[in-house]
Amino acid sequence: MFNSLSDRLTATFKNLRGKGRLTEADVDATVREIRRALLNADVAVPVVREFTGRVRERALGAEVSGALNPSQQIVKIVNEELVEILGGETRRIRLAKTGPTIIMLAGLQGAGKTTLAGKLSKWLKAQGHSPMLVACDLQRPNAVTQLQVVGQRAGVPVFAPHPGATSTELDHPAGDPVAVARAGVEEAKRTLHDVVIVDTAGRLGVDADMMEQARQIRRAIVPNEVLFVIDSMIGQDAVNTALAFDEGVNFTGIVLSKLDGDARGGAALSVASVTGKPVMFASTGEGVDDFELFHPDRMASRILDMGDVLTLIEQAEKSWDKDEAARMAKKFADQEDFTLDDFLAQMQQIRNMGSMKKMLMMMPGAQNIRQQLEQFDEREIDRVEAIVRSMTPHERVAPKIINGSRRARIARGSGVHVSEVNGLLERFAQAQKMMKKMAAGGGMPGMPGMPGMNGGGARKGGKSAPKKKARSGNPAKAAQELRDAEARRAAGAKALPTGASFGQQGGDFDPSQLNLPKGFDKFLGGSK
């Protein structure tokens, strides 16, 4: 969603790189470009004015003028101010001290409240809670049925005493939503559910009848949290809608839905700042698991292309099989061969973490290879898995025995061309060599500036590194040679790229610097 904003900010900060001192004109030009980037992203004008004012004030202050690297200090200021307008700190659900925690959802029709109710319930269930959904949207046709389906997918019970309106009785809902909400809370107490999520009705616009119904439900159940669900793609109108709902139901937190869309994302940067209420959750896809706690600092890092490694680690910890990880660690320690069975097991582990595109976009500097990532076909992983599964157990352990006739058989069995089988076996052979070098302590080949890579071990083109020159027998001369070697290493380290954050000394991350295996670019592109 923030691709356009990230691109504009990237270009802005690149203009500052290499400047030892920033003049007032440099700061004004940078702030002007930041203002244009935010307005282009549909951020509300008052928010843009306040944001750029604070950035300019701090950029002209002592913290930049006295910094060793002023351009990096500007990036740091922008990052901190972005975190501030996104809410400052992570806000979690306030649980009730006694009785069930009651969460009421409110928002416009079409914002994704019903789907989000299921996502939130599954997320709470994974946290060790016992949630129950209450169907209080009795006006939209099939809303109750939709909530029941979503609840079934999430593995959470749904309290729905009334079927709701049908297409022929839109103006006469089948039941009183206030009474259903009150009865749902009582049912949760009776069945010992510790969280109640109440799904309320929405409208195509903010109107008095809807607000009055929401107020009555709020008064009847006295919720611990009132979450305002807003479509991240609605742009400037998000601010007016949020203010109207805040006045009507006094919500306590915001949930951003459809954050995986291709809109410019201004709503996410505007609503929290204008209403003063925190963004608590974000819906990042159509699946029941595409839901996450909102961290302002991590979102700011994503916008500035600094990555979100913490979220990536959390996803890995949640889905990674610890027994499988221990088995692979032992295999590395024992320097055993990396087989196609191991390759298949690792692929399945990665797939359990979710979309490859989303994971790779969380890496620092991902904007530089965004076009490749967007072209990546997730089904390519299915094709690779089909190829491996079409091999016999012996072929997976000893791929060198796979001759021409075996390759043709594997291609027929997996429904691909023989060239794809050849490409996979070639990539696997290179991966196997890399694993052997890592197990032997030679570092990770293919990464610049590390042992066992270009400039450290194997040379570009596959040639072995030259042997070290023998040290002189003269102690004074040997000491000088050692100092010269240290100086050369230090000079080489300074020349290496140091990261992907904007303004970082040494330049942006460039995928071409990686000595990737032949055919990897095609694999990323998803081509057959």
Protein backbone atom coordinates (compact mmCIF):
# COMPACT_ATOMS: atom_id res chain seq x y z
CA MET A 1 0.00 0.00 0.00
CA PHE A 2 2.80 2.43 0.81
CA ASN A 3 4.88 1.70 -2.31
CA SER A 4 4.30 5.11 -3.88
CA LEU A 5 5.11 6.95 -0.65
CA SER A 6 8.23 4.83 -0.10
CA ASP A 7 9.46 5.52 -3.63
CA ARG A 8 9.02 9.29 -3.22
CA LEU A 9 10.78 9.34 0.13
CA THR A 10 13.59 7.17 -1.24
CA ALA A 11 14.28 9.66 -4.02
CA THR A 12 14.12 12.55 -1.56
CA PHE A 13 16.66 11.11 0.86
CA LYS A 14 19.03 10.03 -1.91
CA ASN A 15 19.54 13.71 -2.75
CA LEU A 16 20.97 14.26 0.74
CA ARG A 17 23.51 11.45 0.64
CA GLY A 18 27.14 12.49 0.75
CA LYS A 19 26.52 16.01 2.06
CA GLY A 20 28.68 16.77 5.07
CA ARG A 21 26.61 19.80 6.05
CA LEU A 22 22.99 20.68 5.31
CA THR A 23 22.06 24.29 4.62
CA GLU A 24 18.64 25.77 5.34
CA ALA A 25 17.93 25.56 1.61
CA ASP A 26 18.70 21.80 1.66
CA VAL A 27 16.32 21.30 4.58
CA ASP A 28 13.57 23.36 2.93
CA ALA A 29 13.90 21.40 -0.32
CA THR A 30 13.75 18.09 1.58
CA VAL A 31 10.71 19.15 3.60
CA ARG A 32 9.01 20.35 0.41
CA GLU A 33 9.50 16.93 -1.22
CA ILE A 34 8.25 15.15 1.91
CA ARG A 35 5.14 17.36 1.85
CA ARG A 36 4.48 16.47 -1.79
CA ALA A 37 4.99 12.76 -1.08
CA LEU A 38 2.51 12.80 1.82
CA LEU A 39 -0.11 14.81 -0.11
CA ASN A 40 0.28 12.46 -3.06
CA ALA A 41 -0.38 9.57 -0.63
CA ASP A 42 -3.73 11.15 0.34
CA VAL A 43 -2.64 12.10 3.85
CA ALA A 44 -4.94 14.77 5.35
CA VAL A 45 -3.67 18.31 4.84
CA PRO A 46 -3.66 19.27 8.58
CA VAL A 47 -1.60 16.15 9.34
CA VAL A 48 0.86 16.97 6.55
CA ARG A 49 1.22 20.55 7.76
CA GLU A 50 1.89 19.49 11.36
CA PHE A 51 4.25 16.67 10.34
CA THR A 52 6.43 18.72 8.00
CA GLY A 53 6.50 21.60 10.50
CA ARG A 54 7.96 19.37 13.20
CA VAL A 55 10.45 17.78 10.77
CA ARG A 56 11.67 21.20 9.60
CA GLU A 57 12.00 22.53 13.14
CA ARG A 58 14.06 19.54 14.26
CA ALA A 59 16.10 19.43 11.03
CA LEU A 60 17.23 23.04 11.54
CA GLY A 61 18.10 22.38 15.17
CA ALA A 62 21.26 21.28 16.92
CA GLU A 63 20.58 17.53 16.55
CA VAL A 64 21.24 17.74 12.78
CA SER A 65 23.86 20.49 12.66
CA GLY A 66 26.00 18.65 15.19
CA ALA A 67 25.54 15.18 13.69
CA LEU A 68 28.41 13.34 12.02
CA ASN A 69 26.08 12.28 9.20
CA PRO A 70 23.31 14.90 8.77
CA SER A 71 21.47 12.93 6.06
CA GLN A 72 21.08 9.91 8.34
CA GLN A 73 19.90 12.21 11.12
CA ILE A 74 17.15 13.56 8.83
CA VAL A 75 16.01 9.98 8.13
CA LYS A 76 15.98 9.32 11.90
CA ILE A 77 13.83 12.42 12.49
CA VAL A 78 11.34 11.45 9.76
CA ASN A 79 11.16 7.92 11.16
CA GLU A 80 10.44 9.18 14.69
CA GLU A 81 7.77 11.62 13.47
CA LEU A 82 6.13 8.89 11.39
CA VAL A 83 5.96 6.68 14.48
CA GLU A 84 4.36 9.58 16.35
CA ILE A 85 1.56 10.22 13.84
CA LEU A 86 0.88 6.46 13.64
CA GLY A 87 0.14 6.35 17.36
CA GLY A 88 3.51 6.37 19.08
CA GLU A 89 3.43 2.94 20.70
CA THR A 90 1.76 -0.44 20.32
CA ARG A 91 -1.66 -0.51 21.97
CA ARG A 92 -3.07 -3.88 23.07
CA ILE A 93 -6.60 -4.89 24.07
CA ARG A 94 -7.51 -3.95 27.61
CA LEU A 95 -8.93 -7.10 29.16
CA ALA A 96 -11.74 -6.99 31.73
CA LYS A 97 -10.73 -7.72 35.32
CA THR A 98 -13.95 -9.67 35.93
CA GLY A 99 -16.31 -11.32 33.47
CA PRO A 100 -15.84 -11.52 29.72
CA THR A 101 -13.99 -8.82 27.79
CA ILE A 102 -16.55 -7.22 25.46
CA ILE A 103 -15.32 -5.89 22.10
CA MET A 104 -17.75 -3.98 19.86
CA LEU A 105 -16.98 -3.45 16.15
CA ALA A 106 -18.26 -0.36 14.34
CA GLY A 107 -17.75 1.09 10.86
CA LEU A 108 -19.20 1.70 7.42
CA GLN A 109 -20.78 -1.07 5.40
CA GLY A 110 -18.17 -2.68 3.19
CA ALA A 111 -15.26 -1.83 5.49
CA GLY A 112 -14.79 -5.51 6.33
CA LYS A 113 -16.18 -5.71 9.88
CA THR A 114 -17.69 -9.19 9.62
CA THR A 115 -14.58 -10.76 8.10
CA LEU A 116 -12.42 -8.94 10.60
CA ALA A 117 -14.54 -10.29 13.48
CA GLY A 118 -13.47 -13.80 12.47
CA LYS A 119 -9.81 -12.78 12.09
CA LEU A 120 -9.77 -11.09 15.49
CA SER A 121 -11.44 -14.10 17.13
CA LYS A 122 -8.88 -16.50 15.67
CA TRP A 123 -6.02 -14.23 16.73
CA LEU A 124 -7.41 -14.08 20.29
CA LYS A 125 -7.87 -17.85 20.30
CA ALA A 126 -4.20 -18.26 19.40
CA GLN A 127 -3.38 -16.01 22.38
CA GLY A 128 -5.05 -18.51 24.71
CA HIS A 129 -8.50 -16.88 24.97
CA SER A 130 -11.94 -18.42 24.40
CA PRO A 131 -13.81 -15.91 22.19
CA MET A 132 -17.42 -15.96 21.01
CA LEU A 133 -18.94 -13.97 18.11
CA VAL A 134 -22.32 -12.25 18.39
CA ALA A 135 -24.27 -11.50 15.19
CA CYS A 136 -25.92 -8.09 15.65
CA ASP A 137 -25.93 -7.07 11.98
CA LEU A 138 -29.58 -7.93 11.29
CA GLN A 139 -30.07 -5.43 8.47
CA ARG A 140 -27.64 -6.47 5.75
CA PRO A 141 -28.85 -9.55 3.86
CA ASN A 142 -26.90 -12.72 4.72
CA ALA A 143 -24.69 -10.87 7.22
CA VAL A 144 -25.52 -13.42 9.91
CA THR A 145 -24.77 -16.31 7.56
CA GLN A 146 -21.46 -14.69 6.59
CA LEU A 147 -20.46 -14.35 10.26
CA GLN A 148 -21.34 -18.00 10.86
CA VAL A 149 -19.13 -19.08 7.95
CA VAL A 150 -16.26 -16.87 9.14
CA GLY A 151 -16.67 -18.19 12.70
CA GLN A 152 -16.55 -21.77 11.42
CA ARG A 153 -13.29 -21.06 9.56
CA ALA A 154 -11.82 -19.49 12.69
CA GLY A 155 -13.03 -22.34 14.89
CA VAL A 156 -15.04 -19.96 17.10
CA PRO A 157 -18.73 -20.30 18.11
CA VAL A 158 -21.28 -17.74 16.88
CA PHE A 159 -24.31 -16.57 18.85
CA ALA A 160 -27.02 -15.86 16.25
CA PRO A 161 -30.59 -16.24 17.60
CA HIS A 162 -32.05 -14.36 14.58
CA PRO A 163 -31.31 -15.05 10.89
CA GLY A 164 -31.33 -11.33 10.03
CA ALA A 165 -32.89 -9.59 7.05
CA THR A 166 -33.53 -11.21 3.69
CA SER A 167 -33.43 -9.45 0.34
CA THR A 168 -37.22 -8.88 0.51
CA GLU A 169 -37.34 -7.27 3.96
CA LEU A 170 -34.47 -4.81 4.04
CA ASP A 171 -36.44 -2.19 5.98
CA HIS A 172 -37.74 -4.67 8.57
CA PRO A 173 -34.88 -6.52 10.24
CA ALA A 174 -35.75 -9.83 11.84
CA GLY A 175 -35.03 -8.98 15.46
CA ASP A 176 -33.70 -6.28 17.75
CA PRO A 177 -29.87 -5.92 17.51
CA VAL A 178 -29.69 -4.34 20.98
CA ALA A 179 -31.51 -7.31 22.53
CA VAL A 180 -29.26 -9.75 20.61
CA ALA A 181 -26.14 -7.98 21.87
CA ARG A 182 -27.35 -8.10 25.47
CA ALA A 183 -28.35 -11.78 25.16
CA GLY A 184 -24.98 -12.60 23.54
CA VAL A 185 -23.08 -11.22 26.53
CA GLU A 186 -25.25 -13.24 28.92
CA GLU A 187 -24.69 -16.38 26.83
CA ALA A 188 -20.91 -15.81 26.95
CA LYS A 189 -21.05 -15.57 30.75
CA ARG A 190 -23.12 -18.75 30.95
CA THR A 191 -20.79 -20.73 28.65
CA LEU A 192 -17.61 -19.30 30.23
CA HIS A 193 -16.22 -17.49 27.17
CA ASP A 194 -13.75 -14.83 28.26
CA VAL A 195 -14.06 -12.60 25.14
CA VAL A 196 -17.22 -11.47 23.31
CA ILE A 197 -16.91 -9.85 19.86
CA VAL A 198 -20.08 -8.03 18.78
CA ASP A 199 -20.47 -7.48 15.03
CA THR A 200 -22.77 -4.50 14.39
CA ALA A 201 -24.49 -3.20 11.26
CA GLY A 202 -22.96 -0.71 8.88
CA ARG A 203 -24.31 1.64 6.26
CA LEU A 204 -23.27 3.06 2.93
CA GLY A 205 -22.86 6.45 4.63
CA VAL A 206 -22.80 7.99 8.06
CA ASP A 207 -26.43 8.56 9.07
CA ALA A 208 -28.29 9.34 12.27
CA ASP A 209 -30.22 6.03 12.47
CA MET A 210 -27.08 3.93 12.32
CA MET A 211 -25.32 6.04 14.92
CA GLU A 212 -28.29 5.86 17.28
CA GLN A 213 -28.43 2.07 16.97
CA ALA A 214 -24.68 1.85 17.67
CA ARG A 215 -25.09 4.11 20.73
CA GLN A 216 -27.90 1.91 22.09
CA ILE A 217 -25.77 -1.24 21.69
CA ARG A 218 -22.85 0.49 23.41
CA ARG A 219 -25.04 1.55 26.35
CA ALA A 220 -26.59 -1.92 26.62
CA ILE A 221 -23.40 -3.99 26.76
CA VAL A 222 -20.84 -1.43 28.08
CA PRO A 223 -17.90 -2.76 25.99
CA ASN A 224 -14.31 -2.71 27.17
CA GLU A 225 -13.18 -1.83 23.64
CA VAL A 226 -15.01 -0.20 20.74
CA LEU A 227 -12.99 -0.81 17.58
CA PHE A 228 -13.60 1.38 14.55
CA VAL A 229 -12.95 -0.65 11.38
CA ILE A 230 -11.94 1.55 8.48
CA ASP A 231 -11.15 0.71 4.88
CA SER A 232 -7.54 1.81 4.27
CA MET A 233 -8.36 2.52 0.62
CA ILE A 234 -10.95 5.30 1.06
CA GLY A 235 -8.40 8.13 1.10
CA GLN A 236 -9.18 11.65 2.36
CA ASP A 237 -12.74 10.74 3.40
CA ALA A 238 -11.28 8.52 6.13
CA VAL A 239 -10.77 11.52 8.41
CA ASN A 240 -14.39 12.76 8.19
CA THR A 241 -15.75 9.25 8.69
CA ALA A 242 -13.49 8.63 11.68
CA LEU A 243 -14.45 11.93 13.33
CA ALA A 244 -18.17 11.17 12.85
CA PHE A 245 -17.84 7.71 14.43
CA ASP A 246 -15.72 9.07 17.27
CA GLU A 247 -18.42 11.59 18.07
CA GLY A 248 -21.16 8.97 17.72
CA VAL A 249 -19.79 5.93 19.60
CA ASN A 250 -16.54 7.24 21.13
CA PHE A 251 -14.42 4.36 19.84
CA THR A 252 -11.28 3.37 21.73
CA GLY A 253 -9.15 1.97 18.91
CA ILE A 254 -8.83 1.71 15.13
CA VAL A 255 -8.50 -1.34 12.89
CA LEU A 256 -7.18 -0.84 9.35
CA SER A 257 -8.69 -3.27 6.87
CA LYS A 258 -7.52 -4.00 3.30
CA LEU A 259 -3.98 -2.87 4.09
CA ASP A 260 -2.78 -5.16 1.30
CA GLY A 261 -4.53 -3.05 -1.33
CA ASP A 262 -2.88 -0.83 -3.93
CA ALA A 263 -4.29 2.49 -2.68
CA ARG A 264 -1.96 5.23 -1.48
CA GLY A 265 -2.47 4.62 2.24
CA GLY A 266 -3.25 8.13 3.46
CA ALA A 267 -5.95 6.87 5.82
CA ALA A 268 -3.44 4.96 7.93
CA LEU A 269 -1.30 8.07 8.36
CA SER A 270 -4.22 10.42 9.04
CA VAL A 271 -6.83 8.76 11.26
CA ALA A 272 -4.73 8.14 14.35
CA SER A 273 -3.30 11.65 14.31
CA VAL A 274 -6.64 13.42 13.77
CA THR A 275 -8.73 11.42 16.25
CA GLY A 276 -6.03 10.86 18.86
CA LYS A 277 -7.08 7.18 19.03
CA PRO A 278 -4.49 4.43 18.43
CA VAL A 279 -4.39 2.03 15.49
CA MET A 280 -4.53 -1.38 17.21
CA PHE A 281 -4.80 -3.97 14.43
CA ALA A 282 -4.32 -4.32 10.69
CA SER A 283 -5.93 -6.71 8.23
CA THR A 284 -3.39 -7.62 5.55
CA GLY A 285 -5.22 -10.06 3.26
CA GLU A 286 -8.32 -12.12 2.60
CA GLY A 287 -7.36 -15.18 4.66
CA VAL A 288 -8.45 -15.67 8.27
CA ASP A 289 -4.78 -15.59 9.33
CA ASP A 290 -4.00 -12.32 7.49
CA PHE A 291 -4.27 -10.24 10.64
CA GLU A 292 -1.66 -8.66 12.87
CA LEU A 293 -1.13 -6.40 15.83
CA PHE A 294 -0.27 -2.89 14.64
CA HIS A 295 3.18 -1.65 15.65
CA PRO A 296 3.69 2.06 14.73
CA ASP A 297 7.50 1.76 14.80
CA ARG A 298 7.50 -1.28 12.51
CA MET A 299 5.06 0.34 10.07
CA ALA A 300 7.24 3.45 9.91
CA SER A 301 10.24 1.22 9.15
CA ARG A 302 8.31 -0.43 6.32
CA ILE A 303 7.39 2.96 4.85
CA LEU A 304 11.04 4.05 4.97
CA ASP A 305 12.18 0.70 3.45
CA MET A 306 14.11 -0.24 6.58
CA GLY A 307 12.29 -3.55 6.76
CA ASP A 308 10.29 -5.23 9.50
CA VAL A 309 12.54 -8.01 10.66
CA LEU A 310 10.86 -8.32 14.09
CA THR A 311 7.50 -9.23 12.53
CA LEU A 312 9.29 -11.67 10.24
CA ILE A 313 10.95 -13.33 13.24
CA GLU A 314 7.63 -13.53 15.10
CA GLN A 315 5.99 -15.23 12.11
CA ALA A 316 8.87 -17.68 11.89
CA GLU A 317 8.70 -18.51 15.60
CA LYS A 318 4.95 -19.04 15.37
CA SER A 319 5.01 -21.39 12.37
CA TRP A 320 8.49 -22.98 12.46
CA ASP A 321 8.73 -26.62 13.48
CA LYS A 322 11.29 -26.68 16.32
CA ASP A 323 11.97 -30.40 15.90
CA GLU A 324 12.73 -29.91 12.21
CA ALA A 325 14.98 -26.94 13.01
CA ALA A 326 16.86 -29.04 15.60
CA ARG A 327 17.27 -31.87 13.05
CA MET A 328 18.74 -29.49 10.48
CA ALA A 329 21.05 -27.93 13.09
CA LYS A 330 22.36 -31.37 13.99
CA LYS A 331 22.85 -32.14 10.31
CA PHE A 332 24.94 -28.99 9.92
CA ALA A 333 26.97 -29.84 13.02
CA ASP A 334 27.67 -33.35 11.71
CA GLN A 335 28.49 -31.96 8.22
CA GLU A 336 26.03 -34.34 6.56
CA ASP A 337 24.92 -33.83 2.95
CA PHE A 338 21.98 -31.51 2.30
CA THR A 339 19.44 -33.67 0.38
CA LEU A 340 16.36 -32.92 -1.68
CA ASP A 341 14.26 -34.28 1.21
CA ASP A 342 15.81 -31.57 3.41
CA PHE A 343 15.18 -29.03 0.66
CA LEU A 344 11.51 -30.06 0.50
CA ALA A 345 11.16 -29.90 4.30
CA GLN A 346 12.64 -26.38 4.39
CA MET A 347 10.30 -25.23 1.62
CA GLN A 348 7.29 -26.50 3.56
CA GLN A 349 8.52 -24.68 6.66
CA ILE A 350 8.74 -21.43 4.70
CA ARG A 351 5.30 -21.94 3.17
CA ASN A 352 3.83 -22.31 6.65
CA MET A 353 4.94 -18.74 7.36
CA GLY A 354 2.60 -17.35 4.68
CA SER A 355 3.08 -15.49 1.43
CA MET A 356 6.65 -15.39 0.13
CA LYS A 357 6.03 -11.94 -1.34
CA LYS A 358 4.93 -10.51 2.00
CA MET A 359 7.87 -12.04 3.82
CA LEU A 360 10.43 -10.77 1.31
CA MET A 361 8.88 -7.29 1.35
CA MET A 362 9.66 -7.14 5.09
CA MET A 363 13.37 -7.35 4.37
CA PRO A 364 15.43 -4.12 4.43
CA GLY A 365 15.89 -2.70 0.95
CA ALA A 366 13.01 -4.72 -0.51
CA GLN A 367 11.78 -1.69 -2.47
CA ASN A 368 14.85 -2.02 -4.70
CA ILE A 369 13.67 -5.42 -5.94
CA ARG A 370 9.93 -4.75 -5.68
CA GLN A 371 9.35 -5.25 -9.40
CA GLN A 372 10.92 -8.72 -9.22
CA LEU A 373 8.88 -9.56 -6.13
CA GLU A 374 5.64 -8.42 -7.76
CA GLN A 375 6.36 -10.69 -10.72
CA PHE A 376 7.08 -13.65 -8.46
CA ASP A 377 4.49 -16.40 -8.93
CA GLU A 378 3.66 -18.19 -5.66
CA ARG A 379 2.69 -21.24 -7.74
CA GLU A 380 6.35 -21.65 -8.70
CA ILE A 381 6.86 -23.17 -5.24
CA ASP A 382 4.09 -25.70 -5.99
CA ARG A 383 5.86 -26.66 -9.22
CA VAL A 384 9.18 -27.12 -7.42
CA GLU A 385 7.47 -29.27 -4.78
CA ALA A 386 5.80 -31.36 -7.50
CA ILE A 387 9.17 -31.98 -9.16
CA VAL A 388 10.78 -33.18 -5.92
CA ARG A 389 7.81 -35.38 -5.02
CA SER A 390 7.98 -37.00 -8.46
CA MET A 391 11.44 -38.37 -7.60
CA THR A 392 12.07 -41.70 -5.93
CA PRO A 393 13.45 -41.71 -2.35
CA HIS A 394 16.84 -42.79 -3.68
CA GLU A 395 16.90 -39.98 -6.28
CA ARG A 396 16.23 -37.38 -3.57
CA VAL A 397 19.20 -38.61 -1.53
CA ALA A 398 21.53 -39.09 -4.52
CA PRO A 399 20.45 -36.64 -7.27
CA LYS A 400 23.61 -37.38 -9.28
CA ILE A 401 22.00 -40.62 -10.52
CA ILE A 402 19.23 -38.66 -12.27
CA ASN A 403 20.07 -39.16 -15.94
CA GLY A 404 18.17 -38.10 -19.05
CA SER A 405 15.46 -40.79 -18.91
CA ARG A 406 14.89 -40.17 -15.19
CA ARG A 407 14.57 -36.44 -15.81
CA ALA A 408 11.98 -37.08 -18.54
CA ARG A 409 10.01 -39.34 -16.16
CA ILE A 410 10.15 -36.73 -13.36
CA ALA A 411 8.99 -34.01 -15.77
CA ARG A 412 6.01 -36.11 -16.89
CA GLY A 413 5.11 -36.94 -13.30
CA SER A 414 5.16 -33.31 -12.17
CA GLY A 415 3.60 -31.85 -15.31
CA VAL A 416 6.54 -29.57 -16.20
CA HIS A 417 9.16 -29.34 -18.92
CA VAL A 418 12.46 -31.19 -18.64
CA SER A 419 14.23 -27.80 -18.65
CA GLU A 420 12.53 -26.96 -15.33
CA VAL A 421 13.79 -30.20 -13.81
CA ASN A 422 17.29 -29.39 -15.08
CA GLY A 423 17.09 -25.88 -13.64
CA LEU A 424 15.98 -27.16 -10.23
CA LEU A 425 18.75 -29.75 -10.07
CA GLU A 426 21.31 -27.11 -11.05
CA ARG A 427 20.10 -24.70 -8.36
CA PHE A 428 20.03 -27.49 -5.80
CA ALA A 429 23.62 -28.51 -6.61
CA GLN A 430 24.73 -24.93 -5.97
CA ALA A 431 22.72 -24.80 -2.73
CA GLN A 432 24.28 -28.09 -1.63
CA LYS A 433 27.77 -26.67 -2.19
CA MET A 434 26.85 -23.56 -0.23
CA MET A 435 25.57 -25.68 2.67
CA LYS A 436 28.81 -27.66 2.73
CA LYS A 437 30.87 -24.48 2.92
CA MET A 438 28.69 -23.13 5.73
CA ALA A 439 28.96 -26.40 7.65
CA ALA A 440 32.73 -26.34 7.22
CA GLY A 441 32.86 -22.83 8.73
CA GLY A 442 33.69 -21.03 5.51
CA GLY A 443 30.87 -18.50 5.82
CA MET A 444 27.96 -18.01 3.45
CA PRO A 445 29.02 -17.92 -0.22
CA GLY A 446 27.40 -15.42 -2.51
CA MET A 447 27.24 -12.49 -0.06
CA PRO A 448 29.71 -9.63 -0.47
CA GLY A 449 32.39 -9.06 2.13
CA MET A 450 31.80 -12.28 4.11
CA PRO A 451 34.21 -15.22 4.50
CA GLY A 452 33.82 -17.65 1.61
CA MET A 453 32.44 -14.98 -0.75
CA ASN A 454 33.64 -12.63 -3.45
CA GLY A 455 36.54 -10.85 -1.80
CA GLY A 456 36.74 -13.39 1.04
CA GLY A 457 36.97 -16.95 -0.25
CA ALA A 458 35.77 -18.08 -3.66
CA ARG A 459 36.30 -15.48 -6.33
CA LYS A 460 33.66 -14.28 -8.75
CA GLY A 461 33.47 -16.74 -11.60
CA GLY A 462 34.18 -19.72 -9.37
CA LYS A 463 37.98 -19.41 -9.26
CA SER A 464 39.67 -20.17 -6.00
CA ALA A 465 41.15 -17.34 -3.98
CA PRO A 466 44.90 -16.82 -4.29
CA LYS A 467 47.04 -18.34 -1.58
CA LYS A 468 48.22 -16.03 1.18
CA LYS A 469 51.78 -14.78 0.83
CA ALA A 470 54.12 -16.30 3.42
CA ARG A 471 55.07 -13.87 6.17
CA SER A 472 58.70 -12.73 6.36
CA GLY A 473 61.09 -14.30 8.86
CA ASN A 474 62.29 -10.82 9.90
CA PRO A 475 60.18 -9.83 12.99
CA ALA A 476 60.12 -6.12 12.12
CA LYS A 477 59.22 -6.81 8.49
CA ALA A 478 56.57 -9.37 9.51
CA ALA A 479 54.98 -6.81 11.87
CA GLN A 480 54.85 -4.24 9.05
CA GLU A 481 53.27 -6.80 6.70
CA LEU A 482 50.64 -7.53 9.36
CA ARG A 483 49.85 -3.80 9.74
CA ASP A 484 49.56 -3.43 5.96
CA ALA A 485 47.18 -6.40 5.79
CA GLU A 486 45.00 -4.91 8.56
CA ALA A 487 44.90 -1.58 6.73
CA ARG A 488 43.82 -3.28 3.49
CA ARG A 489 41.05 -5.16 5.32
CA ALA A 490 39.83 -1.96 6.96
CA ALA A 491 39.81 -0.14 3.61
CA GLY A 492 37.85 -3.00 2.05
CA ALA A 493 35.28 -2.96 4.85
CA LYS A 494 34.68 0.77 4.38
CA ALA A 495 34.01 0.23 0.69
CA LEU A 496 31.32 -2.36 1.30
CA PRO A 497 27.58 -1.49 1.34
CA THR A 498 26.30 -1.32 4.90
CA GLY A 499 22.55 -1.59 4.56
CA ALA A 500 19.38 -0.58 2.79
CA SER A 501 18.11 2.30 4.91
CA PHE A 502 17.89 5.61 3.12
CA GLY A 503 20.98 7.74 3.50
CA GLN A 504 23.09 4.91 4.92
CA GLN A 505 26.74 5.36 4.15
CA GLY A 506 27.93 3.08 1.41
CA GLY A 507 24.80 3.10 -0.74
CA ASP A 508 21.58 1.18 -1.08
CA PHE A 509 21.32 -2.58 -1.25
CA ASP A 510 21.78 -3.76 -4.82
CA PRO A 511 20.63 -7.33 -5.62
CA SER A 512 23.23 -7.51 -8.36
CA GLN A 513 25.89 -7.48 -5.62
CA LEU A 514 24.75 -10.91 -4.53
CA ASN A 515 26.52 -13.70 -6.37
CA LEU A 516 23.21 -15.53 -6.79
CA PRO A 517 23.03 -18.98 -8.38
CA LYS A 518 22.39 -19.08 -12.09
CA GLY A 519 18.67 -19.07 -12.84
CA PHE A 520 17.68 -17.53 -9.49
CA ASP A 521 16.38 -14.40 -11.21
CA LYS A 522 14.08 -16.59 -13.31
CA PHE A 523 12.92 -18.36 -10.17
CA LEU A 524 12.07 -15.01 -8.59
CA GLY A 525 10.24 -13.96 -11.71
CA GLY A 526 8.18 -17.13 -11.65
CA SER A 527 8.95 -17.99 -15.26
CA LYS A 528 8.64 -21.57 -16.35
